[in-house]
Structure formats: C-alpha cells, structure tokens
Amino acid sequence: MERERQQKLEEEEEIKRLRKELIPKAQLMPYFDRPFVPRRSEKQPTVPREPKFCIPRHKTIKCCRMSCNDMSGPSQLQHLPSSIEKAEALYKNRILQ
C-alpha cells in the first residue's frame, strides 16, 4: 500500500517535471554586432543524375500500354462507329428537349 502511494507520487512528480520541460521559453536575440561566418559543410556534394522520363512498363495503366499501332487494328475500331452514332443521337435528343 505504501509502495503504491510512493510510486504514484514519483510518477506525478515526473509528469510535472516533463510538463515543465515542454513549456515554450523565449529565446535570446542573436548578436548582430559580430559578423556571421557560415561553416563549410563536411558532407560530399550530391552527384547529379539524368532524369528518367520514361515510366516503367509495370507501372503504367493497362489502357495506356496499347501503342498507336495496336489501336489501328480493325478489332479496336469496330465499336467506334456505333458509339459515335449513339453520342450523336443523345446530343440531338438534348437539343430538341
């Protein structure tokens, strides 16, 4: 019983201490009377690389994988006239309404 109370008091004190540390405090103004001399970086400079403009084939969308040559086949163009006719009919119906 006494241990639990002592442990609880220690936890509360630690929580109070942590909360005190989290309180934002004002920072001192920098001195402008001394000149600022930046330190030289110790890191190596980065090596420039050519940009990769092509998208890997596995990351492309399935419909984008077809090239222009694939689209010119008769199987791809068979559905176009009927869909164009349907679109024209819908457009005419909207105009008449």
PDB file of N, CA and C in Angstrom:
ATOM      1  N   MET A   1       0.831  -1.190   0.000  1.00  0.00           N
ATOM      2  CA  MET A   1       0.000   0.000   0.000  1.00  0.00           C
ATOM      3  C   MET A   1       0.878   1.256   0.000  1.00  0.00           C
ATOM      4  N   GLU A   2       1.862   1.237   0.872  1.00  0.00           N
ATOM      5  CA  GLU A   2       2.783   2.377   0.962  1.00  0.00           C
ATOM      6  C   GLU A   2       3.618   2.491  -0.324  1.00  0.00           C
ATOM      7  N   ARG A   3       4.006   1.342  -0.874  1.00  0.00           N
ATOM      8  CA  ARG A   3       4.789   1.347  -2.105  1.00  0.00           C
ATOM      9  C   ARG A   3       3.978   1.954  -3.257  1.00  0.00           C
ATOM     10  N   GLU A   4       2.719   1.576  -3.331  1.00  0.00           N
ATOM     11  CA  GLU A   4       1.864   2.100  -4.398  1.00  0.00           C
ATOM     12  C   GLU A   4       1.734   3.614  -4.298  1.00  0.00           C
ATOM     13  N   ARG A   5       1.549   4.101  -3.104  1.00  0.00           N
ATOM     14  CA  ARG A   5       1.417   5.545  -2.898  1.00  0.00           C
ATOM     15  C   ARG A   5       2.723   6.246  -3.278  1.00  0.00           C
ATOM     16  N   GLN A   6       3.848   5.670  -2.854  1.00  0.00           N
ATOM     17  CA  GLN A   6       5.150   6.254  -3.161  1.00  0.00           C
ATOM     18  C   GLN A   6       5.391   6.244  -4.679  1.00  0.00           C
ATOM     19  N   GLN A   7       5.049   5.150  -5.313  1.00  0.00           N
ATOM     20  CA  GLN A   7       5.220   5.035  -6.759  1.00  0.00           C
ATOM     21  C   GLN A   7       4.338   6.042  -7.497  1.00  0.00           C
ATOM     22  N   LYS A   8       3.121   6.217  -7.013  1.00  0.00           N
ATOM     23  CA  LYS A   8       2.200   7.170  -7.628  1.00  0.00           C
ATOM     24  C   LYS A   8       2.728   8.596  -7.487  1.00  0.00           C
ATOM     25  N   LEU A   9       3.286   8.929  -6.332  1.00  0.00           N
ATOM     26  CA  LEU A   9       3.856  10.262  -6.117  1.00  0.00           C
ATOM     27  C   LEU A   9       5.055  10.492  -7.048  1.00  0.00           C
ATOM     28  N   GLU A  10       5.875   9.480  -7.205  1.00  0.00           N
ATOM     29  CA  GLU A  10       7.030   9.611  -8.106  1.00  0.00           C
ATOM     30  C   GLU A  10       6.582   9.834  -9.544  1.00  0.00           C
ATOM     31  N   GLU A  11       5.565   9.108  -9.956  1.00  0.00           N
ATOM     32  CA  GLU A  11       5.053   9.277 -11.313  1.00  0.00           C
ATOM     33  C   GLU A  11       4.489  10.681 -11.519  1.00  0.00           C
ATOM     34  N   GLU A  12       3.751  11.176 -10.537  1.00  0.00           N
ATOM     35  CA  GLU A  12       3.187  12.525 -10.639  1.00  0.00           C
ATOM     36  C   GLU A  12       4.295  13.574 -10.697  1.00  0.00           C
ATOM     37  N   GLU A  13       5.350  13.393  -9.893  1.00  0.00           N
ATOM     38  CA  GLU A  13       6.464  14.346  -9.917  1.00  0.00           C
ATOM     39  C   GLU A  13       7.165  14.321 -11.272  1.00  0.00           C
ATOM     40  N   GLU A  14       7.319  13.126 -11.828  1.00  0.00           N
ATOM     41  CA  GLU A  14       7.959  13.029 -13.138  1.00  0.00           C
ATOM     42  C   GLU A  14       7.096  13.665 -14.221  1.00  0.00           C
ATOM     43  N   ILE A  15       5.801  13.492 -14.117  1.00  0.00           N
ATOM     44  CA  ILE A  15       4.888  14.123 -15.084  1.00  0.00           C
ATOM     45  C   ILE A  15       4.974  15.638 -14.975  1.00  0.00           C
ATOM     46  N   LYS A  16       5.014  16.168 -13.758  1.00  0.00           N
ATOM     47  CA  LYS A  16       5.152  17.622 -13.566  1.00  0.00           C
ATOM     48  C   LYS A  16       6.455  18.118 -14.166  1.00  0.00           C
ATOM     49  N   ARG A  17       7.545  17.359 -13.954  1.00  0.00           N
ATOM     50  CA  ARG A  17       8.846  17.756 -14.474  1.00  0.00           C
ATOM     51  C   ARG A  17       8.826  17.753 -16.010  1.00  0.00           C
ATOM     52  N   LEU A  18       8.225  16.733 -16.592  1.00  0.00           N
ATOM     53  CA  LEU A  18       8.146  16.669 -18.052  1.00  0.00           C
ATOM     54  C   LEU A  18       7.298  17.805 -18.614  1.00  0.00           C
ATOM     55  N   ARG A  19       6.217  18.140 -17.937  1.00  0.00           N
ATOM     56  CA  ARG A  19       5.374  19.239 -18.404  1.00  0.00           C
ATOM     57  C   ARG A  19       6.117  20.567 -18.323  1.00  0.00           C
ATOM     58  N   LYS A  20       6.950  20.741 -17.283  1.00  0.00           N
ATOM     59  CA  LYS A  20       7.736  21.968 -17.177  1.00  0.00           C
ATOM     60  C   LYS A  20       8.716  22.084 -18.324  1.00  0.00           C
ATOM     61  N   GLU A  21       9.294  20.963 -18.728  1.00  0.00           N
ATOM     62  CA  GLU A  21      10.250  20.985 -19.836  1.00  0.00           C
ATOM     63  C   GLU A  21       9.567  21.328 -21.158  1.00  0.00           C
ATOM     64  N   LEU A  22       8.307  20.975 -21.296  1.00  0.00           N
ATOM     65  CA  LEU A  22       7.600  21.208 -22.551  1.00  0.00           C
ATOM     66  C   LEU A  22       7.113  22.643 -22.719  1.00  0.00           C
ATOM     67  N   ILE A  23       7.169  23.438 -21.671  1.00  0.00           N
ATOM     68  CA  ILE A  23       6.697  24.818 -21.763  1.00  0.00           C
ATOM     69  C   ILE A  23       7.638  25.597 -22.674  1.00  0.00           C
ATOM     70  N   PRO A  24       7.105  26.251 -23.714  1.00  0.00           N
ATOM     71  CA  PRO A  24       7.987  27.018 -24.602  1.00  0.00           C
ATOM     72  C   PRO A  24       8.560  28.227 -23.876  1.00  0.00           C
ATOM     73  N   LYS A  25       9.832  28.437 -24.085  1.00  0.00           N
ATOM     74  CA  LYS A  25      10.504  29.559 -23.434  1.00  0.00           C
ATOM     75  C   LYS A  25      11.073  30.474 -24.496  1.00  0.00           C
ATOM     76  N   ALA A  26      11.130  31.763 -24.186  1.00  0.00           N
ATOM     77  CA  ALA A  26      11.653  32.739 -25.129  1.00  0.00           C
ATOM     78  C   ALA A  26      13.139  32.500 -25.357  1.00  0.00           C
ATOM     79  N   GLN A  27      13.556  32.697 -26.605  1.00  0.00           N
ATOM     80  CA  GLN A  27      14.966  32.544 -26.935  1.00  0.00           C
ATOM     81  C   GLN A  27      15.615  33.909 -27.019  1.00  0.00           C
ATOM     82  N   LEU A  28      16.869  33.950 -26.690  1.00  0.00           N
ATOM     83  CA  LEU A  28      17.602  35.209 -26.723  1.00  0.00           C
ATOM     84  C   LEU A  28      17.753  35.707 -28.151  1.00  0.00           C
ATOM     85  N   MET A  29      17.801  37.021 -28.292  1.00  0.00           N
ATOM     86  CA  MET A  29      18.035  37.616 -29.602  1.00  0.00           C
ATOM     87  C   MET A  29      19.479  37.349 -30.017  1.00  0.00           C
ATOM     88  N   PRO A  30      19.705  37.065 -31.279  1.00  0.00           N
ATOM     89  CA  PRO A  30      21.081  36.837 -31.717  1.00  0.00           C
ATOM     90  C   PRO A  30      21.875  38.142 -31.714  1.00  0.00           C
ATOM     91  N   TYR A  31      23.180  38.005 -31.558  1.00  0.00           N
ATOM     92  CA  TYR A  31      24.050  39.183 -31.587  1.00  0.00           C
ATOM     93  C   TYR A  31      24.363  39.526 -33.040  1.00  0.00           C
ATOM     94  N   PHE A  32      24.065  40.775 -33.419  1.00  0.00           N
ATOM     95  CA  PHE A  32      24.331  41.203 -34.782  1.00  0.00           C
ATOM     96  C   PHE A  32      25.602  42.034 -34.879  1.00  0.00           C
ATOM     97  N   ASP A  33      26.266  42.267 -33.775  1.00  0.00           N
ATOM     98  CA  ASP A  33      27.484  43.066 -33.815  1.00  0.00           C
ATOM     99  C   ASP A  33      28.676  42.259 -34.335  1.00  0.00           C
ATOM    100  N   ARG A  34      28.592  40.929 -34.282  1.00  0.00           N
ATOM    101  CA  ARG A  34      29.652  40.076 -34.818  1.00  0.00           C
ATOM    102  C   ARG A  34      29.258  39.623 -36.224  1.00  0.00           C
ATOM    103  N   PRO A  35      30.206  39.578 -37.142  1.00  0.00           N
ATOM    104  CA  PRO A  35      29.857  39.107 -38.494  1.00  0.00           C
ATOM    105  C   PRO A  35      29.572  37.603 -38.487  1.00  0.00           C
ATOM    106  N   PHE A  36      28.626  37.227 -39.319  1.00  0.00           N
ATOM    107  CA  PHE A  36      28.258  35.819 -39.413  1.00  0.00           C
ATOM    108  C   PHE A  36      29.141  35.142 -40.458  1.00  0.00           C
ATOM    109  N   VAL A  37      29.833  34.099 -40.050  1.00  0.00           N
ATOM    110  CA  VAL A  37      30.681  33.347 -40.965  1.00  0.00           C
ATOM    111  C   VAL A  37      30.157  31.908 -40.974  1.00  0.00           C
ATOM    112  N   PRO A  38      29.529  31.501 -42.057  1.00  0.00           N
ATOM    113  CA  PRO A  38      28.994  30.138 -42.095  1.00  0.00           C
ATOM    114  C   PRO A  38      30.124  29.112 -42.154  1.00  0.00           C
ATOM    115  N   ARG A  39      29.886  27.983 -41.527  1.00  0.00           N
ATOM    116  CA  ARG A  39      30.878  26.913 -41.548  1.00  0.00           C
ATOM    117  C   ARG A  39      30.736  26.108 -42.830  1.00  0.00           C
ATOM    118  N   ARG A  40      31.837  25.645 -43.325  1.00  0.00           N
ATOM    119  CA  ARG A  40      31.829  24.831 -44.537  1.00  0.00           C
ATOM    120  C   ARG A  40      31.273  23.458 -44.196  1.00  0.00           C
ATOM    121  N   SER A  41      30.422  22.949 -45.058  1.00  0.00           N
ATOM    122  CA  SER A  41      29.805  21.654 -44.829  1.00  0.00           C
ATOM    123  C   SER A  41      30.830  20.544 -44.983  1.00  0.00           C
ATOM    124  N   GLU A  42      30.678  19.520 -44.173  1.00  0.00           N
ATOM    125  CA  GLU A  42      31.579  18.376 -44.241  1.00  0.00           C
ATOM    126  C   GLU A  42      31.035  17.293 -45.164  1.00  0.00           C
ATOM    127  N   LYS A  43      29.808  17.439 -45.614  1.00  0.00           N
ATOM    128  CA  LYS A  43      29.203  16.443 -46.495  1.00  0.00           C
ATOM    129  C   LYS A  43      29.746  16.580 -47.911  1.00  0.00           C
ATOM    130  N   GLN A  44      29.736  15.463 -48.626  1.00  0.00           N
ATOM    131  CA  GLN A  44      30.148  15.464 -50.024  1.00  0.00           C
ATOM    132  C   GLN A  44      29.014  16.054 -50.872  1.00  0.00           C
ATOM    133  N   PRO A  45      29.328  16.781 -51.931  1.00  0.00           N
ATOM    134  CA  PRO A  45      28.259  17.309 -52.783  1.00  0.00           C
ATOM    135  C   PRO A  45      27.527  16.163 -53.486  1.00  0.00           C
ATOM    136  N   THR A  46      26.277  16.405 -53.797  1.00  0.00           N
ATOM    137  CA  THR A  46      25.483  15.368 -54.456  1.00  0.00           C
ATOM    138  C   THR A  46      25.911  15.228 -55.913  1.00  0.00           C
ATOM    139  N   VAL A  47      25.767  14.042 -56.426  1.00  0.00           N
ATOM    140  CA  VAL A  47      26.126  13.765 -57.816  1.00  0.00           C
ATOM    141  C   VAL A  47      24.867  13.909 -58.657  1.00  0.00           C
ATOM    142  N   PRO A  48      24.877  14.794 -59.665  1.00  0.00           N
ATOM    143  CA  PRO A  48      23.675  14.965 -60.485  1.00  0.00           C
ATOM    144  C   PRO A  48      23.425  13.734 -61.345  1.00  0.00           C
ATOM    145  N   ARG A  49      22.136  13.430 -61.543  1.00  0.00           N
ATOM    146  CA  ARG A  49      21.736  12.299 -62.372  1.00  0.00           C
ATOM    147  C   ARG A  49      20.781  12.785 -63.439  1.00  0.00           C
ATOM    148  N   GLU A  50      20.758  12.073 -64.533  1.00  0.00           N
ATOM    149  CA  GLU A  50      19.825  12.379 -65.603  1.00  0.00           C
ATOM    150  C   GLU A  50      18.412  12.016 -65.157  1.00  0.00           C
ATOM    151  N   PRO A  51      17.415  12.840 -65.469  1.00  0.00           N
ATOM    152  CA  PRO A  51      16.043  12.488 -65.096  1.00  0.00           C
ATOM    153  C   PRO A  51      15.531  11.331 -65.932  1.00  0.00           C
ATOM    154  N   LYS A  52      14.670  10.526 -65.341  1.00  0.00           N
ATOM    155  CA  LYS A  52      14.079   9.387 -66.049  1.00  0.00           C
ATOM    156  C   LYS A  52      12.680   9.801 -66.510  1.00  0.00           C
ATOM    157  N   PHE A  53      12.551  10.034 -67.798  1.00  0.00           N
ATOM    158  CA  PHE A  53      11.274  10.472 -68.331  1.00  0.00           C
ATOM    159  C   PHE A  53      10.358   9.317 -68.720  1.00  0.00           C
ATOM    160  N   CYS A  54      10.918   8.138 -68.886  1.00  0.00           N
ATOM    161  CA  CYS A  54      10.066   7.010 -69.259  1.00  0.00           C
ATOM    162  C   CYS A  54       9.500   6.354 -67.999  1.00  0.00           C
ATOM    163  N   ILE A  55       8.286   5.869 -68.112  1.00  0.00           N
ATOM    164  CA  ILE A  55       7.627   5.201 -66.994  1.00  0.00           C
ATOM    165  C   ILE A  55       7.831   3.705 -67.178  1.00  0.00           C
ATOM    166  N   PRO A  56       8.251   3.001 -66.143  1.00  0.00           N
ATOM    167  CA  PRO A  56       8.426   1.551 -66.292  1.00  0.00           C
ATOM    168  C   PRO A  56       7.124   0.888 -66.721  1.00  0.00           C
ATOM    169  N   ARG A  57       7.227  -0.145 -67.521  1.00  0.00           N
ATOM    170  CA  ARG A  57       6.055  -0.800 -68.092  1.00  0.00           C
ATOM    171  C   ARG A  57       5.120  -1.363 -67.032  1.00  0.00           C
ATOM    172  N   HIS A  58       5.658  -1.835 -65.914  1.00  0.00           N
ATOM    173  CA  HIS A  58       4.809  -2.419 -64.882  1.00  0.00           C
ATOM    174  C   HIS A  58       4.036  -1.360 -64.090  1.00  0.00           C
ATOM    175  N   LYS A  59       4.407  -0.077 -64.252  1.00  0.00           N
ATOM    176  CA  LYS A  59       3.704   0.974 -63.521  1.00  0.00           C
ATOM    177  C   LYS A  59       2.669   1.705 -64.373  1.00  0.00           C
ATOM    178  N   THR A  60       2.567   1.363 -65.640  1.00  0.00           N
ATOM    179  CA  THR A  60       1.605   2.041 -66.500  1.00  0.00           C
ATOM    180  C   THR A  60       0.220   1.438 -66.339  1.00  0.00           C
ATOM    181  N   ILE A  61      -0.781   2.207 -66.684  1.00  0.00           N
ATOM    182  CA  ILE A  61      -2.155   1.738 -66.632  1.00  0.00           C
ATOM    183  C   ILE A  61      -2.387   0.832 -67.828  1.00  0.00           C
ATOM    184  N   LYS A  62      -3.229  -0.161 -67.671  1.00  0.00           N
ATOM    185  CA  LYS A  62      -3.426  -1.167 -68.718  1.00  0.00           C
ATOM    186  C   LYS A  62      -3.867  -0.531 -70.032  1.00  0.00           C
ATOM    187  N   CYS A  63      -4.753   0.457 -69.982  1.00  0.00           N
ATOM    188  CA  CYS A  63      -5.242   1.055 -71.222  1.00  0.00           C
ATOM    189  C   CYS A  63      -4.154   1.892 -71.891  1.00  0.00           C
ATOM    190  N   CYS A  64      -3.184   2.361 -71.143  1.00  0.00           N
ATOM    191  CA  CYS A  64      -2.113   3.173 -71.718  1.00  0.00           C
ATOM    192  C   CYS A  64      -1.016   2.317 -72.334  1.00  0.00           C
ATOM    193  N   ARG A  65      -1.029   1.025 -72.088  1.00  0.00           N
ATOM    194  CA  ARG A  65       0.016   0.154 -72.621  1.00  0.00           C
ATOM    195  C   ARG A  65      -0.129  -0.053 -74.117  1.00  0.00           C
ATOM    196  N   MET A  66      -1.335   0.162 -74.654  1.00  0.00           N
ATOM    197  CA  MET A  66      -1.535  -0.024 -76.087  1.00  0.00           C
ATOM    198  C   MET A  66      -0.846   1.100 -76.833  1.00  0.00           C
ATOM    199  N   SER A  67      -0.064   0.748 -77.808  1.00  0.00           N
ATOM    200  CA  SER A  67       0.595   1.775 -78.605  1.00  0.00           C
ATOM    201  C   SER A  67      -0.337   2.199 -79.738  1.00  0.00           C
ATOM    202  N   CYS A  68       0.089   3.166 -80.507  1.00  0.00           N
ATOM    203  CA  CYS A  68      -0.729   3.650 -81.624  1.00  0.00           C
ATOM    204  C   CYS A  68      -0.925   2.556 -82.660  1.00  0.00           C
ATOM    205  N   ASN A  69       0.073   1.696 -82.823  1.00  0.00           N
ATOM    206  CA  ASN A  69      -0.054   0.611 -83.801  1.00  0.00           C
ATOM    207  C   ASN A  69      -1.130  -0.376 -83.378  1.00  0.00           C
ATOM    208  N   ASP A  70      -1.247  -0.614 -82.074  1.00  0.00           N
ATOM    209  CA  ASP A  70      -2.270  -1.534 -81.585  1.00  0.00           C
ATOM    210  C   ASP A  70      -3.671  -0.986 -81.807  1.00  0.00           C
ATOM    211  N   MET A  71      -3.836   0.328 -81.740  1.00  0.00           N
ATOM    212  CA  MET A  71      -5.147   0.945 -81.876  1.00  0.00           C
ATOM    213  C   MET A  71      -5.636   0.947 -83.324  1.00  0.00           C
ATOM    214  N   SER A  72      -4.714   0.822 -84.291  1.00  0.00           N
ATOM    215  CA  SER A  72      -5.118   0.949 -85.685  1.00  0.00           C
ATOM    216  C   SER A  72      -5.745  -0.322 -86.243  1.00  0.00           C
ATOM    217  N   GLY A  73      -5.689  -1.389 -85.507  1.00  0.00           N
ATOM    218  CA  GLY A  73      -6.267  -2.643 -85.981  1.00  0.00           C
ATOM    219  C   GLY A  73      -7.775  -2.556 -86.099  1.00  0.00           C
ATOM    220  N   PRO A  74      -8.379  -3.362 -86.977  1.00  0.00           N
ATOM    221  CA  PRO A  74      -9.828  -3.298 -87.193  1.00  0.00           C
ATOM    222  C   PRO A  74     -10.622  -3.723 -85.956  1.00  0.00           C
ATOM    223  N   SER A  75     -10.050  -4.590 -85.123  1.00  0.00           N
ATOM    224  CA  SER A  75     -10.795  -5.051 -83.949  1.00  0.00           C
ATOM    225  C   SER A  75     -11.015  -3.915 -82.960  1.00  0.00           C
ATOM    226  N   GLN A  76     -10.086  -2.979 -82.887  1.00  0.00           N
ATOM    227  CA  GLN A  76     -10.213  -1.872 -81.956  1.00  0.00           C
ATOM    228  C   GLN A  76     -11.176  -0.795 -82.467  1.00  0.00           C
ATOM    229  N   LEU A  77     -11.271  -0.659 -83.787  1.00  0.00           N
ATOM    230  CA  LEU A  77     -12.071   0.413 -84.356  1.00  0.00           C
ATOM    231  C   LEU A  77     -13.499  -0.008 -84.675  1.00  0.00           C
ATOM    232  N   GLN A  78     -13.851  -1.261 -84.517  1.00  0.00           N
ATOM    233  CA  GLN A  78     -15.194  -1.726 -84.867  1.00  0.00           C
ATOM    234  C   GLN A  78     -16.264  -1.090 -83.998  1.00  0.00           C
ATOM    235  N   HIS A  79     -15.983  -0.857 -82.739  1.00  0.00           N
ATOM    236  CA  HIS A  79     -17.000  -0.326 -81.842  1.00  0.00           C
ATOM    237  C   HIS A  79     -17.144   1.190 -81.945  1.00  0.00           C
ATOM    238  N   LEU A  80     -16.227   1.861 -82.630  1.00  0.00           N
ATOM    239  CA  LEU A  80     -16.275   3.320 -82.696  1.00  0.00           C
ATOM    240  C   LEU A  80     -17.483   3.865 -83.451  1.00  0.00           C
ATOM    241  N   PRO A  81     -17.828   3.394 -84.643  1.00  0.00           N
ATOM    242  CA  PRO A  81     -18.975   3.994 -85.350  1.00  0.00           C
ATOM    243  C   PRO A  81     -20.272   3.907 -84.561  1.00  0.00           C
ATOM    244  N   SER A  82     -20.518   2.776 -83.903  1.00  0.00           N
ATOM    245  CA  SER A  82     -21.760   2.656 -83.154  1.00  0.00           C
ATOM    246  C   SER A  82     -21.769   3.606 -81.956  1.00  0.00           C
ATOM    247  N   SER A  83     -20.629   3.775 -81.301  1.00  0.00           N
ATOM    248  CA  SER A  83     -20.608   4.674 -80.149  1.00  0.00           C
ATOM    249  C   SER A  83     -20.737   6.129 -80.591  1.00  0.00           C
ATOM    250  N   ILE A  84     -20.191   6.469 -81.750  1.00  0.00           N
ATOM    251  CA  ILE A  84     -20.332   7.835 -82.262  1.00  0.00           C
ATOM    252  C   ILE A  84     -21.789   8.100 -82.619  1.00  0.00           C
ATOM    253  N   GLU A  85     -22.427   7.120 -83.228  1.00  0.00           N
ATOM    254  CA  GLU A  85     -23.842   7.283 -83.584  1.00  0.00           C
ATOM    255  C   GLU A  85     -24.692   7.452 -82.337  1.00  0.00           C
ATOM    256  N   LYS A  86     -24.400   6.688 -81.303  1.00  0.00           N
ATOM    257  CA  LYS A  86     -25.156   6.809 -80.053  1.00  0.00           C
ATOM    258  C   LYS A  86     -24.959   8.190 -79.446  1.00  0.00           C
ATOM    259  N   ALA A  87     -23.731   8.688 -79.464  1.00  0.00           N
ATOM    260  CA  ALA A  87     -23.449  10.005 -78.897  1.00  0.00           C
ATOM    261  C   ALA A  87     -24.173  11.099 -79.678  1.00  0.00           C
ATOM    262  N   GLU A  88     -24.180  10.975 -81.003  1.00  0.00           N
ATOM    263  CA  GLU A  88     -24.881  11.971 -81.821  1.00  0.00           C
ATOM    264  C   GLU A  88     -26.374  11.949 -81.540  1.00  0.00           C
ATOM    265  N   ALA A  89     -26.950  10.760 -81.377  1.00  0.00           N
ATOM    266  CA  ALA A  89     -28.381  10.643 -81.100  1.00  0.00           C
ATOM    267  C   ALA A  89     -28.712  11.278 -79.752  1.00  0.00           C
ATOM    268  N   LEU A  90     -27.873  11.024 -78.744  1.00  0.00           N
ATOM    269  CA  LEU A  90     -28.113  11.630 -77.421  1.00  0.00           C
ATOM    270  C   LEU A  90     -28.028  13.145 -77.506  1.00  0.00           C
ATOM    271  N   TYR A  91     -27.075  13.649 -78.275  1.00  0.00           N
ATOM    272  CA  TYR A  91     -26.890  15.085 -78.413  1.00  0.00           C
ATOM    273  C   TYR A  91     -28.101  15.716 -79.090  1.00  0.00           C
ATOM    274  N   LYS A  92     -28.609  15.076 -80.135  1.00  0.00           N
ATOM    275  CA  LYS A  92     -29.779  15.608 -80.831  1.00  0.00           C
ATOM    276  C   LYS A  92     -30.999  15.598 -79.928  1.00  0.00           C
ATOM    277  N   ASN A  93     -31.149  14.541 -79.127  1.00  0.00           N
ATOM    278  CA  ASN A  93     -32.290  14.473 -78.215  1.00  0.00           C
ATOM    279  C   ASN A  93     -32.241  15.598 -77.172  1.00  0.00           C
ATOM    280  N   ARG A  94     -31.059  15.914 -76.708  1.00  0.00           N
ATOM    281  CA  ARG A  94     -30.927  17.005 -75.720  1.00  0.00           C
ATOM    282  C   ARG A  94     -31.255  18.343 -76.327  1.00  0.00           C
ATOM    283  N   ILE A  95     -30.840  18.563 -77.576  1.00  0.00           N
ATOM    284  CA  ILE A  95     -31.117  19.828 -78.240  1.00  0.00           C
ATOM    285  C   ILE A  95     -32.627  19.994 -78.450  1.00  0.00           C
ATOM    286  N   LEU A  96     -33.311  18.915 -78.840  1.00  0.00           N
ATOM    287  CA  LEU A  96     -34.749  19.001 -79.107  1.00  0.00           C
ATOM    288  C   LEU A  96     -35.561  19.194 -77.825  1.00  0.00           C
ATOM    289  N   GLN A  97     -35.017  18.813 -76.714  1.00  0.00           N
ATOM    290  CA  GLN A  97     -35.793  18.950 -75.456  1.00  0.00           C
ATOM    291  C   GLN A  97     -35.693  20.305 -74.923  1.00  0.00           C
TER     292      GLN A  97
END
